[in-house]
PDB file of N, CA and C in Angstrom:
ATOM      1  N   UNK A   1       0.915  -1.051  -0.159  1.00  0.00           N
ATOM      2  CA  UNK A   1      -0.092  -0.046  -0.212  1.00  0.00           C
ATOM      3  C   UNK A   1       0.942   1.245  -0.266  1.00  0.00           C
ATOM      4  N   UNK A   2       0.525   2.354  -0.800  1.00  0.00           N
ATOM      5  CA  UNK A   2       1.311   3.467  -0.841  1.00  0.00           C
ATOM      6  C   UNK A   2       1.322   4.220   0.366  1.00  0.00           C
ATOM      7  N   UNK A   3       2.506   4.891   0.702  1.00  0.00           N
ATOM      8  CA  UNK A   3       2.307   5.832   1.951  1.00  0.00           C
ATOM      9  C   UNK A   3       2.279   7.293   1.728  1.00  0.00           C
ATOM     10  N   UNK A   4       1.215   7.760   2.368  1.00  0.00           N
ATOM     11  CA  UNK A   4       0.925   9.183   2.053  1.00  0.00           C
ATOM     12  C   UNK A   4       1.293   9.841   3.244  1.00  0.00           C
ATOM     13  N   UNK A   5       2.018  10.993   3.172  1.00  0.00           N
ATOM     14  CA  UNK A   5       2.623  11.652   4.324  1.00  0.00           C
ATOM     15  C   UNK A   5       1.543  12.578   4.755  1.00  0.00           C
ATOM     16  N   UNK A   6       1.528  12.836   6.234  1.00  0.00           N
ATOM     17  CA  UNK A   6       0.309  13.479   6.814  1.00  0.00           C
ATOM     18  C   UNK A   6       1.036  14.555   7.945  1.00  0.00           C
ATOM     19  N   UNK A   7       0.423  15.448   8.349  1.00  0.00           N
ATOM     20  CA  UNK A   7       1.066  16.185   9.435  1.00  0.00           C
ATOM     21  C   UNK A   7       2.229  17.094   9.079  1.00  0.00           C
ATOM     22  N   UNK A   8       3.151  16.997  10.060  1.00  0.00           N
ATOM     23  CA  UNK A   8       4.158  17.929   9.793  1.00  0.00           C
ATOM     24  C   UNK A   8       5.241  17.168   8.567  1.00  0.00           C
ATOM     25  N   UNK A   9       4.927  15.686   8.535  1.00  0.00           N
ATOM     26  CA  UNK A   9       5.703  15.064   7.718  1.00  0.00           C
ATOM     27  C   UNK A   9       5.368  15.272   6.010  1.00  0.00           C
ATOM     28  N   UNK A  10       4.132  15.904   5.941  1.00  0.00           N
ATOM     29  CA  UNK A  10       3.577  16.184   4.505  1.00  0.00           C
ATOM     30  C   UNK A  10       4.205  17.629   4.187  1.00  0.00           C
ATOM     31  N   UNK A  11       4.271  18.521   4.977  1.00  0.00           N
ATOM     32  CA  UNK A  11       5.136  19.845   5.088  1.00  0.00           C
ATOM     33  C   UNK A  11       6.259  20.007   5.893  1.00  0.00           C
ATOM     34  N   UNK A  12       7.285  19.462   5.845  1.00  0.00           N
ATOM     35  CA  UNK A  12       8.557  19.470   6.588  1.00  0.00           C
ATOM     36  C   UNK A  12       9.161  21.039   6.798  1.00  0.00           C
ATOM     37  N   UNK A  13       8.864  21.832   5.915  1.00  0.00           N
ATOM     38  CA  UNK A  13       9.446  23.157   5.662  1.00  0.00           C
ATOM     39  C   UNK A  13       8.543  24.306   6.631  1.00  0.00           C
ATOM     40  N   UNK A  14       7.146  23.752   6.906  1.00  0.00           N
ATOM     41  CA  UNK A  14       6.695  24.505   7.767  1.00  0.00           C
ATOM     42  C   UNK A  14       6.178  23.972   9.156  1.00  0.00           C
ATOM     43  N   UNK A  15       5.725  24.926   9.970  1.00  0.00           N
ATOM     44  CA  UNK A  15       5.461  24.470  11.356  1.00  0.00           C
ATOM     45  C   UNK A  15       3.482  24.390  11.107  1.00  0.00           C
ATOM     46  N   UNK A  16       3.226  23.101  10.900  1.00  0.00           N
ATOM     47  CA  UNK A  16       1.789  22.915  10.765  1.00  0.00           C
ATOM     48  C   UNK A  16       1.179  21.955  11.769  1.00  0.00           C
ATOM     49  N   UNK A  17      -0.051  22.464  11.918  1.00  0.00           N
ATOM     50  CA  UNK A  17      -1.001  21.576  12.905  1.00  0.00           C
ATOM     51  C   UNK A  17      -1.922  21.204  11.736  1.00  0.00           C
ATOM     52  N   UNK A  18      -2.171  19.661  11.616  1.00  0.00           N
ATOM     53  CA  UNK A  18      -3.033  19.218  10.901  1.00  0.00           C
ATOM     54  C   UNK A  18      -4.406  19.577  10.960  1.00  0.00           C
ATOM     55  N   UNK A  19      -5.169  20.137  10.074  1.00  0.00           N
ATOM     56  CA  UNK A  19      -6.505  20.348  10.060  1.00  0.00           C
ATOM     57  C   UNK A  19      -7.447  19.277   9.825  1.00  0.00           C
ATOM     58  N   UNK A  20      -6.925  18.129   9.736  1.00  0.00           N
ATOM     59  CA  UNK A  20      -7.711  16.855   9.380  1.00  0.00           C
ATOM     60  C   UNK A  20      -8.581  16.353  10.450  1.00  0.00           C
ATOM     61  N   UNK A  21      -9.947  16.372  10.424  1.00  0.00           N
ATOM     62  CA  UNK A  21     -10.638  15.829  11.584  1.00  0.00           C
ATOM     63  C   UNK A  21     -11.705  14.951  11.070  1.00  0.00           C
ATOM     64  N   UNK A  22     -11.813  13.878  11.820  1.00  0.00           N
ATOM     65  CA  UNK A  22     -12.862  12.914  11.632  1.00  0.00           C
ATOM     66  C   UNK A  22     -14.059  13.182  12.351  1.00  0.00           C
ATOM     67  N   UNK A  23     -14.133  13.824  13.428  1.00  0.00           N
ATOM     68  CA  UNK A  23     -15.304  14.253  14.262  1.00  0.00           C
ATOM     69  C   UNK A  23     -15.485  15.780  13.647  1.00  0.00           C
ATOM     70  N   UNK A  24     -16.709  15.805  13.246  1.00  0.00           N
ATOM     71  CA  UNK A  24     -17.004  17.417  12.695  1.00  0.00           C
ATOM     72  C   UNK A  24     -17.397  18.379  13.669  1.00  0.00           C
ATOM     73  N   UNK A  25     -17.685  17.928  14.743  1.00  0.00           N
ATOM     74  CA  UNK A  25     -18.020  18.679  15.784  1.00  0.00           C
ATOM     75  C   UNK A  25     -16.794  19.475  16.281  1.00  0.00           C
ATOM     76  N   UNK A  26     -15.532  18.849  15.975  1.00  0.00           N
ATOM     77  CA  UNK A  26     -14.115  19.835  16.114  1.00  0.00           C
ATOM     78  C   UNK A  26     -14.029  20.880  15.075  1.00  0.00           C
ATOM     79  N   UNK A  27     -13.367  21.939  15.422  1.00  0.00           N
ATOM     80  CA  UNK A  27     -13.192  23.027  14.443  1.00  0.00           C
ATOM     81  C   UNK A  27     -12.075  22.573  13.626  1.00  0.00           C
ATOM     82  N   UNK A  28     -12.045  23.068  12.239  1.00  0.00           N
ATOM     83  CA  UNK A  28     -10.821  23.031  11.345  1.00  0.00           C
ATOM     84  C   UNK A  28     -10.297  24.303  10.884  1.00  0.00           C
ATOM     85  N   UNK A  29      -9.049  24.518  11.304  1.00  0.00           N
ATOM     86  CA  UNK A  29      -8.836  25.762  11.287  1.00  0.00           C
ATOM     87  C   UNK A  29      -7.686  25.746   9.764  1.00  0.00           C
ATOM     88  N   UNK A  30      -7.866  26.869   9.004  1.00  0.00           N
ATOM     89  CA  UNK A  30      -7.388  26.627   7.663  1.00  0.00           C
ATOM     90  C   UNK A  30      -6.578  28.130   7.445  1.00  0.00           C
ATOM     91  N   UNK A  31      -5.923  28.211   6.398  1.00  0.00           N
ATOM     92  CA  UNK A  31      -5.190  29.311   5.821  1.00  0.00           C
ATOM     93  C   UNK A  31      -5.493  29.420   4.350  1.00  0.00           C
ATOM     94  N   UNK A  32      -5.462  30.500   4.082  1.00  0.00           N
ATOM     95  CA  UNK A  32      -6.196  31.118   2.771  1.00  0.00           C
ATOM     96  C   UNK A  32      -5.084  32.154   2.169  1.00  0.00           C
ATOM     97  N   UNK A  33      -5.200  32.426   1.076  1.00  0.00           N
ATOM     98  CA  UNK A  33      -4.161  33.093   0.412  1.00  0.00           C
ATOM     99  C   UNK A  33      -5.228  33.879  -0.881  1.00  0.00           C
ATOM    100  N   UNK A  34      -5.560  35.074  -0.822  1.00  0.00           N
ATOM    101  CA  UNK A  34      -6.369  35.797  -1.700  1.00  0.00           C
ATOM    102  C   UNK A  34      -5.613  36.867  -2.313  1.00  0.00           C
ATOM    103  N   UNK A  35      -6.305  36.935  -3.704  1.00  0.00           N
ATOM    104  CA  UNK A  35      -5.849  38.028  -4.777  1.00  0.00           C
ATOM    105  C   UNK A  35      -6.734  38.693  -5.330  1.00  0.00           C
ATOM    106  N   UNK A  36      -7.035  39.767  -5.141  1.00  0.00           N
ATOM    107  CA  UNK A  36      -8.411  40.538  -5.803  1.00  0.00           C
ATOM    108  C   UNK A  36      -7.823  41.289  -7.114  1.00  0.00           C
ATOM    109  N   UNK A  37      -8.442  41.060  -8.210  1.00  0.00           N
ATOM    110  CA  UNK A  37      -7.981  42.021  -9.522  1.00  0.00           C
ATOM    111  C   UNK A  37      -9.532  42.647 -10.074  1.00  0.00           C
ATOM    112  N   UNK A  38      -9.536  43.741  -9.480  1.00  0.00           N
ATOM    113  CA  UNK A  38     -10.815  44.583 -10.090  1.00  0.00           C
ATOM    114  C   UNK A  38     -10.252  44.789 -11.679  1.00  0.00           C
ATOM    115  N   UNK A  39     -10.931  44.439 -12.587  1.00  0.00           N
ATOM    116  CA  UNK A  39     -10.719  45.202 -13.910  1.00  0.00           C
ATOM    117  C   UNK A  39     -11.408  46.401 -14.110  1.00  0.00           C
ATOM    118  N   UNK A  40     -10.695  47.247 -13.367  1.00  0.00           N
ATOM    119  CA  UNK A  40     -11.153  48.844 -13.631  1.00  0.00           C
ATOM    120  C   UNK A  40     -10.204  49.722 -13.412  1.00  0.00           C
ATOM    121  N   UNK A  41     -10.161  51.071 -13.918  1.00  0.00           N
ATOM    122  CA  UNK A  41      -9.148  51.997 -13.942  1.00  0.00           C
ATOM    123  C   UNK A  41      -8.799  52.365 -12.278  1.00  0.00           C
ATOM    124  N   UNK A  42      -9.831  52.672 -11.595  1.00  0.00           N
ATOM    125  CA  UNK A  42      -9.184  52.770 -10.090  1.00  0.00           C
ATOM    126  C   UNK A  42      -9.197  51.432  -9.384  1.00  0.00           C
ATOM    127  N   UNK A  43      -8.556  50.665  -9.880  1.00  0.00           N
ATOM    128  CA  UNK A  43      -8.501  49.187  -9.084  1.00  0.00           C
ATOM    129  C   UNK A  43      -8.068  49.178  -7.801  1.00  0.00           C
ATOM    130  N   UNK A  44      -6.893  50.274  -7.278  1.00  0.00           N
ATOM    131  CA  UNK A  44      -6.227  50.205  -6.136  1.00  0.00           C
ATOM    132  C   UNK A  44      -7.259  50.458  -4.978  1.00  0.00           C
ATOM    133  N   UNK A  45      -8.063  51.292  -5.196  1.00  0.00           N
ATOM    134  CA  UNK A  45      -9.260  51.672  -4.113  1.00  0.00           C
ATOM    135  C   UNK A  45     -10.056  50.499  -3.934  1.00  0.00           C
ATOM    136  N   UNK A  46     -10.625  49.815  -4.960  1.00  0.00           N
ATOM    137  CA  UNK A  46     -11.452  48.529  -4.731  1.00  0.00           C
ATOM    138  C   UNK A  46     -10.611  47.568  -3.883  1.00  0.00           C
ATOM    139  N   UNK A  47      -9.460  47.255  -4.389  1.00  0.00           N
ATOM    140  CA  UNK A  47      -8.610  46.385  -3.443  1.00  0.00           C
ATOM    141  C   UNK A  47      -8.475  46.845  -2.180  1.00  0.00           C
ATOM    142  N   UNK A  48      -8.111  48.020  -1.769  1.00  0.00           N
ATOM    143  CA  UNK A  48      -8.049  48.533  -0.541  1.00  0.00           C
ATOM    144  C   UNK A  48      -9.403  48.425   0.479  1.00  0.00           C
ATOM    145  N   UNK A  49     -10.432  48.584  -0.293  1.00  0.00           N
ATOM    146  CA  UNK A  49     -11.855  48.457   0.313  1.00  0.00           C
ATOM    147  C   UNK A  49     -12.047  47.119   0.548  1.00  0.00           C
ATOM    148  N   UNK A  50     -11.771  46.030  -0.168  1.00  0.00           N
ATOM    149  CA  UNK A  50     -11.892  44.678   0.129  1.00  0.00           C
ATOM    150  C   UNK A  50     -11.143  44.193   1.210  1.00  0.00           C
ATOM    151  N   UNK A  51      -9.745  44.745   1.362  1.00  0.00           N
ATOM    152  CA  UNK A  51      -9.027  44.361   2.514  1.00  0.00           C
ATOM    153  C   UNK A  51      -9.457  44.935   3.939  1.00  0.00           C
ATOM    154  N   UNK A  52     -10.049  46.152   3.568  1.00  0.00           N
ATOM    155  CA  UNK A  52     -10.573  47.021   4.969  1.00  0.00           C
ATOM    156  C   UNK A  52     -11.828  46.125   5.312  1.00  0.00           C
ATOM    157  N   UNK A  53     -12.895  45.810   4.368  1.00  0.00           N
ATOM    158  CA  UNK A  53     -13.779  44.883   5.000  1.00  0.00           C
ATOM    159  C   UNK A  53     -13.477  43.764   5.589  1.00  0.00           C
ATOM    160  N   UNK A  54     -12.359  42.929   4.888  1.00  0.00           N
ATOM    161  CA  UNK A  54     -11.913  41.741   5.174  1.00  0.00           C
ATOM    162  C   UNK A  54     -11.472  42.017   6.984  1.00  0.00           C
ATOM    163  N   UNK A  55     -10.841  42.967   7.055  1.00  0.00           N
ATOM    164  CA  UNK A  55     -10.012  43.021   8.302  1.00  0.00           C
ATOM    165  C   UNK A  55     -11.185  43.085   9.625  1.00  0.00           C
ATOM    166  N   UNK A  56     -12.474  43.934   8.931  1.00  0.00           N
ATOM    167  CA  UNK A  56     -13.508  44.021  10.138  1.00  0.00           C
ATOM    168  C   UNK A  56     -14.181  42.679  10.524  1.00  0.00           C
ATOM    169  N   UNK A  57     -14.120  41.530   9.660  1.00  0.00           N
ATOM    170  CA  UNK A  57     -14.525  40.482  10.018  1.00  0.00           C
ATOM    171  C   UNK A  57     -14.000  39.790  11.381  1.00  0.00           C
ATOM    172  N   UNK A  58     -14.728  39.624  12.354  1.00  0.00           N
ATOM    173  CA  UNK A  58     -14.440  38.850  13.548  1.00  0.00           C
ATOM    174  C   UNK A  58     -13.707  37.485  13.356  1.00  0.00           C
ATOM    175  N   UNK A  59     -12.687  36.988  14.094  1.00  0.00           N
ATOM    176  CA  UNK A  59     -12.025  35.760  14.223  1.00  0.00           C
ATOM    177  C   UNK A  59     -11.338  35.267  13.247  1.00  0.00           C
ATOM    178  N   UNK A  60     -10.801  36.355  12.580  1.00  0.00           N
ATOM    179  CA  UNK A  60      -9.667  36.096  11.469  1.00  0.00           C
ATOM    180  C   UNK A  60      -8.366  36.685  11.734  1.00  0.00           C
ATOM    181  N   UNK A  61      -7.245  35.963  11.445  1.00  0.00           N
ATOM    182  CA  UNK A  61      -5.848  36.532  11.451  1.00  0.00           C
ATOM    183  C   UNK A  61      -5.575  36.900  10.062  1.00  0.00           C
ATOM    184  N   UNK A  62      -5.173  38.150   9.909  1.00  0.00           N
ATOM    185  CA  UNK A  62      -4.738  38.431   8.321  1.00  0.00           C
ATOM    186  C   UNK A  62      -3.733  39.114   8.365  1.00  0.00           C
ATOM    187  N   UNK A  63      -2.851  39.160   7.277  1.00  0.00           N
ATOM    188  CA  UNK A  63      -1.607  39.564   6.787  1.00  0.00           C
ATOM    189  C   UNK A  63      -1.516  40.057   5.395  1.00  0.00           C
ATOM    190  N   UNK A  64      -1.342  41.116   5.092  1.00  0.00           N
ATOM    191  CA  UNK A  64      -1.279  41.649   3.773  1.00  0.00           C
ATOM    192  C   UNK A  64       0.047  42.125   3.329  1.00  0.00           C
ATOM    193  N   UNK A  65       0.363  41.723   2.112  1.00  0.00           N
ATOM    194  CA  UNK A  65       1.456  42.083   1.695  1.00  0.00           C
ATOM    195  C   UNK A  65       1.420  42.925   0.164  1.00  0.00           C
ATOM    196  N   UNK A  66       2.184  43.127  -0.838  1.00  0.00           N
ATOM    197  CA  UNK A  66       2.278  43.734  -2.065  1.00  0.00           C
ATOM    198  C   UNK A  66       1.683  42.741  -3.020  1.00  0.00           C
ATOM    199  N   UNK A  67       1.650  41.332  -2.673  1.00  0.00           N
ATOM    200  CA  UNK A  67       1.112  40.300  -3.707  1.00  0.00           C
ATOM    201  C   UNK A  67      -0.186  39.697  -3.285  1.00  0.00           C
ATOM    202  N   UNK A  68      -0.428  39.772  -1.932  1.00  0.00           N
ATOM    203  CA  UNK A  68      -1.670  38.880  -1.617  1.00  0.00           C
ATOM    204  C   UNK A  68      -1.970  39.058  -0.245  1.00  0.00           C
ATOM    205  N   UNK A  69      -3.178  38.724   0.146  1.00  0.00           N
ATOM    206  CA  UNK A  69      -3.598  38.682   1.743  1.00  0.00           C
ATOM    207  C   UNK A  69      -3.678  37.387   1.944  1.00  0.00           C
ATOM    208  N   UNK A  70      -2.847  36.882   3.306  1.00  0.00           N
ATOM    209  CA  UNK A  70      -3.229  35.565   3.844  1.00  0.00           C
ATOM    210  C   UNK A  70      -4.298  35.986   4.994  1.00  0.00           C
ATOM    211  N   UNK A  71      -4.977  34.730   4.922  1.00  0.00           N
ATOM    212  CA  UNK A  71      -6.191  34.703   6.154  1.00  0.00           C
ATOM    213  C   UNK A  71      -6.068  33.490   6.969  1.00  0.00           C
ATOM    214  N   UNK A  72      -6.261  33.533   8.314  1.00  0.00           N
ATOM    215  CA  UNK A  72      -6.080  32.229   8.982  1.00  0.00           C
ATOM    216  C   UNK A  72      -7.259  32.155   9.893  1.00  0.00           C
ATOM    217  N   UNK A  73      -8.020  31.079  10.091  1.00  0.00           N
ATOM    218  CA  UNK A  73      -9.055  30.923  11.282  1.00  0.00           C
ATOM    219  C   UNK A  73      -9.723  29.761  10.923  1.00  0.00           C
ATOM    220  N   UNK A  74     -10.583  29.579  11.394  1.00  0.00           N
ATOM    221  CA  UNK A  74     -11.453  28.369  11.737  1.00  0.00           C
ATOM    222  C   UNK A  74     -12.250  28.531  10.220  1.00  0.00           C
ATOM    223  N   UNK A  75     -12.597  27.135   9.459  1.00  0.00           N
ATOM    224  CA  UNK A  75     -13.054  26.992   8.138  1.00  0.00           C
ATOM    225  C   UNK A  75     -14.184  27.777   7.839  1.00  0.00           C
ATOM    226  N   UNK A  76     -15.041  27.490   8.873  1.00  0.00           N
ATOM    227  CA  UNK A  76     -16.568  28.327   8.363  1.00  0.00           C
ATOM    228  C   UNK A  76     -16.492  29.840   8.485  1.00  0.00           C
ATOM    229  N   UNK A  77     -15.626  30.110   9.673  1.00  0.00           N
ATOM    230  CA  UNK A  77     -15.400  31.626   9.928  1.00  0.00           C
ATOM    231  C   UNK A  77     -14.746  32.225   8.448  1.00  0.00           C
ATOM    232  N   UNK A  78     -13.630  31.630   8.243  1.00  0.00           N
ATOM    233  CA  UNK A  78     -12.889  32.186   6.971  1.00  0.00           C
ATOM    234  C   UNK A  78     -13.706  32.238   5.656  1.00  0.00           C
ATOM    235  N   UNK A  79     -14.497  31.038   5.359  1.00  0.00           N
ATOM    236  CA  UNK A  79     -15.142  30.959   4.098  1.00  0.00           C
ATOM    237  C   UNK A  79     -16.482  32.005   4.098  1.00  0.00           C
ATOM    238  N   UNK A  80     -17.101  32.070   5.424  1.00  0.00           N
ATOM    239  CA  UNK A  80     -18.016  33.071   5.425  1.00  0.00           C
ATOM    240  C   UNK A  80     -17.577  34.733   5.064  1.00  0.00           C
ATOM    241  N   UNK A  81     -16.501  34.970   5.812  1.00  0.00           N
ATOM    242  CA  UNK A  81     -16.070  36.303   5.531  1.00  0.00           C
ATOM    243  C   UNK A  81     -15.606  36.384   4.361  1.00  0.00           C
ATOM    244  N   UNK A  82     -14.804  35.502   3.773  1.00  0.00           N
ATOM    245  CA  UNK A  82     -14.738  35.667   2.325  1.00  0.00           C
ATOM    246  C   UNK A  82     -15.612  35.797   1.216  1.00  0.00           C
ATOM    247  N   UNK A  83     -16.524  34.994   1.566  1.00  0.00           N
ATOM    248  CA  UNK A  83     -17.908  35.135   0.718  1.00  0.00           C
ATOM    249  C   UNK A  83     -18.334  36.416   0.733  1.00  0.00           C
ATOM    250  N   UNK A  84     -18.554  37.118   2.037  1.00  0.00           N
ATOM    251  CA  UNK A  84     -19.328  38.139   2.177  1.00  0.00           C
ATOM    252  C   UNK A  84     -18.464  39.402   1.623  1.00  0.00           C
ATOM    253  N   UNK A  85     -17.373  39.559   1.760  1.00  0.00           N
ATOM    254  CA  UNK A  85     -16.255  40.314   1.329  1.00  0.00           C
ATOM    255  C   UNK A  85     -16.265  40.626  -0.364  1.00  0.00           C
ATOM    256  N   UNK A  86     -16.184  39.182  -0.978  1.00  0.00           N
ATOM    257  CA  UNK A  86     -16.303  39.011  -2.221  1.00  0.00           C
ATOM    258  C   UNK A  86     -17.563  39.373  -2.885  1.00  0.00           C
ATOM    259  N   UNK A  87     -18.821  39.152  -2.288  1.00  0.00           N
ATOM    260  CA  UNK A  87     -19.870  39.418  -2.758  1.00  0.00           C
ATOM    261  C   UNK A  87     -19.961  41.164  -2.682  1.00  0.00           C
ATOM    262  N   UNK A  88     -19.532  41.806  -1.611  1.00  0.00           N
ATOM    263  CA  UNK A  88     -19.561  43.224  -1.600  1.00  0.00           C
ATOM    264  C   UNK A  88     -18.608  43.958  -2.679  1.00  0.00           C
ATOM    265  N   UNK A  89     -17.270  43.295  -2.941  1.00  0.00           N
ATOM    266  CA  UNK A  89     -16.382  43.793  -3.898  1.00  0.00           C
ATOM    267  C   UNK A  89     -17.211  43.442  -5.275  1.00  0.00           C
ATOM    268  N   UNK A  90     -17.669  42.386  -5.577  1.00  0.00           N
ATOM    269  CA  UNK A  90     -18.455  41.995  -6.824  1.00  0.00           C
ATOM    270  C   UNK A  90     -19.675  43.106  -7.317  1.00  0.00           C
ATOM    271  N   UNK A  91     -20.187  43.513  -5.994  1.00  0.00           N
ATOM    272  CA  UNK A  91     -21.202  44.337  -6.224  1.00  0.00           C
ATOM    273  C   UNK A  91     -20.850  45.833  -6.687  1.00  0.00           C
ATOM    274  N   UNK A  92     -19.779  46.261  -6.029  1.00  0.00           N
ATOM    275  CA  UNK A  92     -19.193  47.397  -6.237  1.00  0.00           C
ATOM    276  C   UNK A  92     -18.568  47.557  -7.589  1.00  0.00           C
ATOM    277  N   UNK A  93     -17.935  46.738  -8.100  1.00  0.00           N
ATOM    278  CA  UNK A  93     -17.058  46.976  -9.292  1.00  0.00           C
ATOM    279  C   UNK A  93     -17.197  45.643 -10.347  1.00  0.00           C
ATOM    280  N   UNK A  94     -17.426  45.704 -11.767  1.00  0.00           N
ATOM    281  CA  UNK A  94     -17.626  44.811 -12.649  1.00  0.00           C
ATOM    282  C   UNK A  94     -16.644  44.808 -13.682  1.00  0.00           C
ATOM    283  N   UNK A  95     -15.985  44.083 -14.242  1.00  0.00           N
ATOM    284  CA  UNK A  95     -15.838  42.687 -13.673  1.00  0.00           C
ATOM    285  C   UNK A  95     -14.759  42.745 -12.548  1.00  0.00           C
ATOM    286  N   UNK A  96     -14.743  41.811 -11.780  1.00  0.00           N
ATOM    287  CA  UNK A  96     -13.681  41.514 -10.620  1.00  0.00           C
ATOM    288  C   UNK A  96     -13.135  40.146 -10.666  1.00  0.00           C
ATOM    289  N   UNK A  97     -11.901  39.813 -10.264  1.00  0.00           N
ATOM    290  CA  UNK A  97     -11.437  38.540 -10.412  1.00  0.00           C
ATOM    291  C   UNK A  97     -10.902  38.390  -8.884  1.00  0.00           C
ATOM    292  N   UNK A  98     -11.120  37.200  -8.103  1.00  0.00           N
ATOM    293  CA  UNK A  98     -10.573  36.867  -6.869  1.00  0.00           C
ATOM    294  C   UNK A  98      -9.990  35.614  -7.263  1.00  0.00           C
ATOM    295  N   UNK A  99      -8.650  35.550  -6.959  1.00  0.00           N
ATOM    296  CA  UNK A  99      -8.031  34.277  -6.992  1.00  0.00           C
ATOM    297  C   UNK A  99      -7.730  33.660  -5.433  1.00  0.00           C
ATOM    298  N   UNK A 100      -8.146  32.448  -5.074  1.00  0.00           N
ATOM    299  CA  UNK A 100      -8.076  32.221  -3.669  1.00  0.00           C
ATOM    300  C   UNK A 100      -7.306  30.854  -3.700  1.00  0.00           C
ATOM    301  N   UNK A 101      -6.701  30.631  -2.883  1.00  0.00           N
ATOM    302  CA  UNK A 101      -6.190  29.424  -2.360  1.00  0.00           C
ATOM    303  C   UNK A 101      -6.413  28.925  -0.808  1.00  0.00           C
ATOM    304  N   UNK A 102      -6.687  27.645  -0.640  1.00  0.00           N
ATOM    305  CA  UNK A 102      -7.133  27.312   0.568  1.00  0.00           C
ATOM    306  C   UNK A 102      -6.461  26.156   1.136  1.00  0.00           C
ATOM    307  N   UNK A 103      -5.860  25.966   2.242  1.00  0.00           N
ATOM    308  CA  UNK A 103      -4.789  25.041   2.699  1.00  0.00           C
ATOM    309  C   UNK A 103      -5.345  24.619   3.934  1.00  0.00           C
ATOM    310  N   UNK A 104      -5.770  23.134   4.048  1.00  0.00           N
ATOM    311  CA  UNK A 104      -6.593  22.737   5.067  1.00  0.00           C
ATOM    312  C   UNK A 104      -5.211  22.382   6.412  1.00  0.00           C
ATOM    313  N   UNK A 105      -4.699  23.495   6.771  1.00  0.00           N
ATOM    314  CA  UNK A 105      -3.505  23.632   7.774  1.00  0.00           C
ATOM    315  C   UNK A 105      -3.626  24.863   8.371  1.00  0.00           C
ATOM    316  N   UNK A 106      -3.318  24.929   9.432  1.00  0.00           N
ATOM    317  CA  UNK A 106      -3.074  26.373  10.153  1.00  0.00           C
ATOM    318  C   UNK A 106      -1.799  26.684  10.425  1.00  0.00           C
ATOM    319  N   UNK A 107      -1.000  27.238   9.238  1.00  0.00           N
ATOM    320  CA  UNK A 107       0.022  27.973   8.979  1.00  0.00           C
ATOM    321  C   UNK A 107       0.310  29.196   9.675  1.00  0.00           C
ATOM    322  N   UNK A 108       1.625  29.381  10.200  1.00  0.00           N
ATOM    323  CA  UNK A 108       1.887  30.845  10.748  1.00  0.00           C
ATOM    324  C   UNK A 108       2.234  31.702   9.688  1.00  0.00           C
ATOM    325  N   UNK A 109       1.217  32.648   9.595  1.00  0.00           N
ATOM    326  CA  UNK A 109       1.374  33.630   8.621  1.00  0.00           C
ATOM    327  C   UNK A 109       2.087  34.827   9.031  1.00  0.00           C
ATOM    328  N   UNK A 110       2.181  35.290  10.333  1.00  0.00           N
ATOM    329  CA  UNK A 110       2.969  36.323  10.655  1.00  0.00           C
ATOM    330  C   UNK A 110       4.419  36.428  10.256  1.00  0.00           C
ATOM    331  N   UNK A 111       5.071  35.267  10.034  1.00  0.00           N
ATOM    332  CA  UNK A 111       6.627  35.222   9.732  1.00  0.00           C
ATOM    333  C   UNK A 111       6.737  34.372   8.376  1.00  0.00           C
ATOM    334  N   UNK A 112       7.921  34.395   7.748  1.00  0.00           N
ATOM    335  CA  UNK A 112       8.327  33.737   6.880  1.00  0.00           C
ATOM    336  C   UNK A 112       8.614  32.260   7.210  1.00  0.00           C
ATOM    337  N   UNK A 113       8.240  31.210   6.272  1.00  0.00           N
ATOM    338  CA  UNK A 113       8.667  29.970   6.772  1.00  0.00           C
ATOM    339  C   UNK A 113      10.065  29.576   6.825  1.00  0.00           C
ATOM    340  N   UNK A 114      10.544  28.713   7.619  1.00  0.00           N
ATOM    341  CA  UNK A 114      11.942  28.393   7.491  1.00  0.00           C
ATOM    342  C   UNK A 114      12.214  27.394   6.575  1.00  0.00           C
ATOM    343  N   UNK A 115      13.060  27.818   5.550  1.00  0.00           N
ATOM    344  CA  UNK A 115      13.297  26.779   4.481  1.00  0.00           C
ATOM    345  C   UNK A 115      14.822  26.465   4.516  1.00  0.00           C
ATOM    346  N   UNK A 116      15.019  25.214   4.420  1.00  0.00           N
ATOM    347  CA  UNK A 116      16.586  24.640   4.841  1.00  0.00           C
ATOM    348  C   UNK A 116      17.326  25.059   3.444  1.00  0.00           C
TER     349      UNK A 116
END
């Protein structure tokens, strides 16, 4: 039978806490990376509005840099917040692209990972 790595074995370059849960009553913490691309001349203001709205959402840890915004929190909280903020952005400007990556691990986003 093939071996599939789990937990820290699966991502040795990061400090991970596995988010895999068999019991759905337990919370699942995730990490997300978001990049918003409003296809409008005044795109910077729309991006700023999206980040400000996301920062107002309770229960999230958020780090923003020049390339993207990383979000960490409980699965349902993160997805609900991203959904509300994305809907608001899409109602303000048309068209808009949101690129999102979700990882079912609770990565430390406040500092760069240690890479050997």
